Each structure stands twice: as structure tokens, then as C-alpha cells.
Amino acid sequence: MRLFIGIATPPDSAILALLDELARAEQSQPGIKAVPAENLHVTLRFLGEVREEKVQAIIAALETALAHERSFDLQIGQPGSFANALWLQASAPGLAGMAKRLDQALSTIGFEPERRPYRPHVTLARLQPIFLFDVLGWLERHEQHEPYVLRVDQVHLYRSVPVPGGVRYESVYTLHLADPAVSQAAIRAAT
């Protein structure tokens, strides 16, 4: 099964409008494929094809790496592109540290460490090697995209499930992050 660890990013109305624009472009401009709103996420660590018997070890590594993580605010903001995707930047204090701790924990169970720098983002559309879509024009039109903030209190181990016309991401396991207010109350109660 094809797996990754990520954070769900339910879209706000502005992102839904961007997805709608990209879906319309998909109808008239070959080489672009909008991501379904229910698939939007920030990847913390891509795992690739994994044997089912390794899933429990991955869950244990996820729990170990993020055991002390608290819920946090994630900002979804500026648009950008890779050669094969259009995306919105994602940022939060400590996000890169989470990805690094995951990478380290996963390396103890046989996953190769990630060599590329961590660039958190929410993919809005995928681009084929040959496409007619005006990427620079799209980036210029949306450079003033209003960022939005969402509260993150869960991290998921996702499985990619092939469906007609694409994939659906299904949560195999959910790690609930501690609420800082509840954690502080528990500390005060214990003292």
C-alpha cells in the first residue's frame, strides 16, 4: 500500500474558489489536474509503497516522534509551483521540526532519511510533463492570496486508494495532538 504522514487541510472559501478555477482550466487546458478538496493536506513524510505488516511499526514511530506535540495553528498562504504542481505554502512554528523528528523515527525502522529540504505546502493541482496552463499568469493573479489559519489537532497516516479518475486519501491511523490549554490545566492540577 502507498502511504504518507500528513495533516488534513480543509479548505476555506477562497481555496475552494481556487480549486474551482483550476477544475475549469482542467476542462479546456490539457495537462492540469485539480486536486479534490477532500484530498488537500500537508505532507509531513512520504513513505511510498509499504508492506501491510510494517504499518504497526510506522504507527509506533509516529507516536514516538510526535508524543509531545501540541495542537497548533497552521497558516496556508502564498501560492507557488514546482515543475509538476501548483500549491499554497504552509507554515507553522515547529513544523519542520516535526517532519525531522518523524524522519529520524522512521529511519530506525528501515526508511531512508529524506534528503530533500522540507517545503511544507498544500498541492492544489498536478501538472503533466506537457501542459498548456499559464503557471506564471496564475501565480501573478493569486500572489495576493489572503492566507488563512486552521487549528491542527491531528496528524494522519494516510493510504492512497486508487479510484476512477485519480486517488482518494484514507486515514489509516490518527494521532491526536494534545490541547495546550488542557495540558497546562493538567500540570496545574498535578502541582
Protein backbone atom coordinates (compact mmCIF):
# COMPACT_ATOMS: atom_id res chain seq x y z
CA MET A 1 0.00 0.00 0.00
CA ARG A 2 1.10 3.57 -0.74
CA LEU A 3 1.42 5.61 2.48
CA PHE A 4 2.30 9.08 3.74
CA ILE A 5 2.01 11.01 7.01
CA GLY A 6 0.19 14.30 6.80
CA ILE A 7 -2.13 16.96 8.14
CA ALA A 8 -5.62 17.41 6.71
CA THR A 9 -6.25 20.96 5.48
CA PRO A 10 -9.98 21.54 4.99
CA PRO A 11 -10.26 24.44 2.52
CA ASP A 12 -11.77 27.82 3.25
CA SER A 13 -13.99 29.56 0.66
CA ALA A 14 -11.02 31.26 -1.05
CA ILE A 15 -9.24 27.94 -1.57
CA LEU A 16 -12.46 26.36 -2.82
CA ALA A 17 -12.63 29.20 -5.37
CA LEU A 18 -9.03 28.46 -6.46
CA LEU A 19 -9.87 24.76 -6.82
CA ASP A 20 -12.95 25.65 -8.88
CA GLU A 21 -10.84 27.85 -11.17
CA LEU A 22 -8.30 25.04 -11.61
CA ALA A 23 -11.05 22.48 -12.28
CA ARG A 24 -12.45 24.76 -15.03
CA ALA A 25 -8.93 25.12 -16.50
CA GLU A 26 -8.66 21.32 -16.48
CA GLN A 27 -11.62 21.15 -18.88
CA SER A 28 -10.04 23.41 -21.50
CA GLN A 29 -6.27 23.13 -20.98
CA PRO A 30 -4.70 19.67 -21.19
CA GLY A 31 -2.04 18.75 -18.68
CA ILE A 32 -3.52 20.12 -15.45
CA LYS A 33 -5.48 18.13 -12.84
CA ALA A 34 -7.07 19.87 -9.86
CA VAL A 35 -6.85 18.08 -6.52
CA PRO A 36 -10.24 17.21 -4.97
CA ALA A 37 -10.98 19.37 -1.90
CA GLU A 38 -11.23 16.29 0.33
CA ASN A 39 -7.63 15.33 -0.58
CA LEU A 40 -6.00 18.61 0.50
CA HIS A 41 -3.24 18.08 3.04
CA VAL A 42 0.28 19.00 4.12
CA THR A 43 2.67 16.06 3.85
CA LEU A 44 5.00 15.58 6.81
CA ARG A 45 6.67 12.47 5.37
CA PHE A 46 6.06 10.48 2.20
CA LEU A 47 6.61 6.76 2.71
CA GLY A 48 5.76 5.24 -0.68
CA GLU A 49 4.89 1.57 -1.18
CA VAL A 50 4.87 -0.21 2.17
CA ARG A 51 4.05 -3.79 3.09
CA GLU A 52 1.00 -4.09 5.33
CA GLU A 53 2.97 -5.86 8.08
CA LYS A 54 5.08 -2.69 8.53
CA VAL A 55 2.10 -0.43 9.35
CA GLN A 56 2.20 -1.07 13.12
CA ALA A 57 5.90 -0.16 13.25
CA ILE A 58 5.13 3.07 11.35
CA ILE A 59 2.36 3.92 13.82
CA ALA A 60 4.75 3.29 16.74
CA ALA A 61 7.39 5.54 15.13
CA LEU A 62 4.75 8.24 14.53
CA GLU A 63 3.61 8.07 18.16
CA THR A 64 7.20 8.20 19.44
CA ALA A 65 8.25 11.09 17.20
CA LEU A 66 5.23 13.27 17.98
CA ALA A 67 4.42 12.15 21.53
CA HIS A 68 4.95 15.62 22.99
CA GLU A 69 3.46 17.66 20.16
CA ARG A 70 0.67 20.08 20.99
CA SER A 71 -2.08 21.30 18.72
CA PHE A 72 -1.03 24.37 16.73
CA ASP A 73 -2.12 26.95 14.18
CA LEU A 74 -1.15 26.28 10.57
CA GLN A 75 -1.13 29.16 8.09
CA ILE A 76 -1.95 28.42 4.47
CA GLY A 77 -0.75 31.28 2.30
CA GLN A 78 1.28 32.26 -0.74
CA PRO A 79 0.93 30.32 -3.99
CA GLY A 80 3.90 28.62 -5.59
CA SER A 81 4.80 25.93 -8.08
CA PHE A 82 7.08 23.01 -8.70
CA ALA A 83 7.63 21.60 -12.18
CA ASN A 84 4.73 19.22 -11.58
CA ALA A 85 2.38 21.07 -9.18
CA LEU A 86 0.65 24.28 -8.14
CA TRP A 87 0.47 24.76 -4.38
CA LEU A 88 -0.05 27.07 -1.41
CA GLN A 89 2.70 27.49 1.15
CA ALA A 90 2.02 26.08 4.63
CA SER A 91 3.79 27.38 7.71
CA ALA A 92 3.78 26.98 11.47
CA PRO A 93 6.44 27.25 14.14
CA GLY A 94 7.94 23.83 14.66
CA LEU A 95 6.50 22.23 11.51
CA ALA A 96 9.94 21.48 10.04
CA GLY A 97 11.00 20.06 13.42
CA MET A 98 8.02 17.70 13.39
CA ALA A 99 8.99 16.48 9.93
CA LYS A 100 12.61 15.99 11.05
CA ARG A 101 11.59 14.02 14.18
CA LEU A 102 9.35 11.82 12.03
CA ASP A 103 12.19 11.26 9.58
CA GLN A 104 14.53 10.25 12.41
CA ALA A 105 11.99 7.88 13.99
CA LEU A 106 11.18 6.28 10.64
CA SER A 107 14.87 5.76 9.87
CA THR A 108 15.05 3.44 12.91
CA ILE A 109 12.58 1.08 11.20
CA GLY A 110 14.30 1.00 7.83
CA PHE A 111 13.12 4.09 5.93
CA GLU A 112 15.81 6.05 4.14
CA PRO A 113 16.19 9.58 5.56
CA GLU A 114 14.66 12.31 3.41
CA ARG A 115 17.42 14.10 1.52
CA ARG A 116 15.40 16.97 0.08
CA PRO A 117 14.76 20.09 2.18
CA TYR A 118 11.30 20.14 3.77
CA ARG A 119 8.97 22.55 1.92
CA PRO A 120 5.52 22.34 3.51
CA HIS A 121 2.69 23.09 1.09
CA VAL A 122 -0.85 22.17 0.08
CA THR A 123 -0.98 20.88 -3.51
CA LEU A 124 -3.92 22.35 -5.45
CA ALA A 125 -3.20 20.87 -8.89
CA ARG A 126 -0.83 18.48 -10.58
CA LEU A 127 0.85 19.36 -13.88
CA GLN A 128 1.72 16.81 -16.55
CA PRO A 129 5.12 17.00 -18.31
CA ILE A 130 3.41 18.76 -21.24
CA PHE A 131 0.76 21.28 -20.22
CA LEU A 132 -0.82 24.39 -21.69
CA PHE A 133 -1.74 26.03 -18.39
CA ASP A 134 -0.23 29.50 -17.78
CA VAL A 135 1.54 28.87 -14.46
CA LEU A 136 3.21 32.29 -14.25
CA GLY A 137 -0.06 34.05 -15.01
CA TRP A 138 -1.84 32.03 -12.33
CA LEU A 139 0.87 32.81 -9.77
CA GLU A 140 0.71 36.54 -10.60
CA ARG A 141 -3.11 36.62 -10.39
CA HIS A 142 -3.04 34.99 -6.97
CA GLU A 143 0.10 36.47 -5.40
CA GLN A 144 -2.12 38.48 -3.03
CA HIS A 145 -3.99 35.35 -1.93
CA GLU A 146 -5.28 36.01 1.58
CA PRO A 147 -3.74 33.46 3.96
CA TYR A 148 -5.92 31.60 6.37
CA VAL A 149 -5.17 29.83 9.61
CA LEU A 150 -6.52 26.49 10.73
CA ARG A 151 -6.10 24.70 14.04
CA VAL A 152 -4.26 21.39 13.73
CA ASP A 153 -5.01 18.82 16.39
CA GLN A 154 -4.45 15.61 14.40
CA VAL A 155 -1.77 14.00 12.28
CA HIS A 156 -2.75 11.13 9.99
CA LEU A 157 -1.12 8.11 8.46
CA TYR A 158 -2.79 8.13 5.04
CA ARG A 159 -3.18 5.45 2.40
CA SER A 160 -3.64 6.36 -1.28
CA VAL A 161 -6.60 4.43 -2.66
CA PRO A 162 -6.95 4.36 -6.46
CA VAL A 163 -10.40 5.47 -7.66
CA PRO A 164 -11.70 6.20 -11.16
CA GLY A 165 -10.02 9.42 -12.31
CA GLY A 166 -7.45 9.64 -9.51
CA VAL A 167 -6.88 8.72 -5.88
CA ARG A 168 -8.62 9.15 -2.55
CA TYR A 169 -6.63 9.57 0.67
CA GLU A 170 -7.89 7.41 3.50
CA SER A 171 -6.71 7.80 7.09
CA VAL A 172 -5.29 4.50 8.35
CA TYR A 173 -4.38 5.95 11.76
CA THR A 174 -4.97 9.28 13.52
CA LEU A 175 -2.66 10.69 16.17
CA HIS A 176 -4.42 13.29 18.33
CA LEU A 177 -2.21 16.17 19.40
CA ALA A 178 -2.56 17.50 22.94
CA ASP A 179 -4.51 20.70 23.52
CA PRO A 180 -2.10 23.19 25.16
CA ALA A 181 -4.86 24.60 27.40
CA VAL A 182 -5.78 21.14 28.66
CA SER A 183 -2.09 20.26 29.13
CA GLN A 184 -1.50 23.39 31.23
CA ALA A 185 -4.58 22.64 33.34
CA ALA A 186 -3.30 19.08 33.95
CA ILE A 187 0.10 20.43 35.02
CA ARG A 188 -1.52 22.91 37.44
CA ALA A 189 -3.77 20.16 38.86
CA ALA A 190 -0.77 17.89 39.44
CA THR A 191 1.14 20.53 41.42
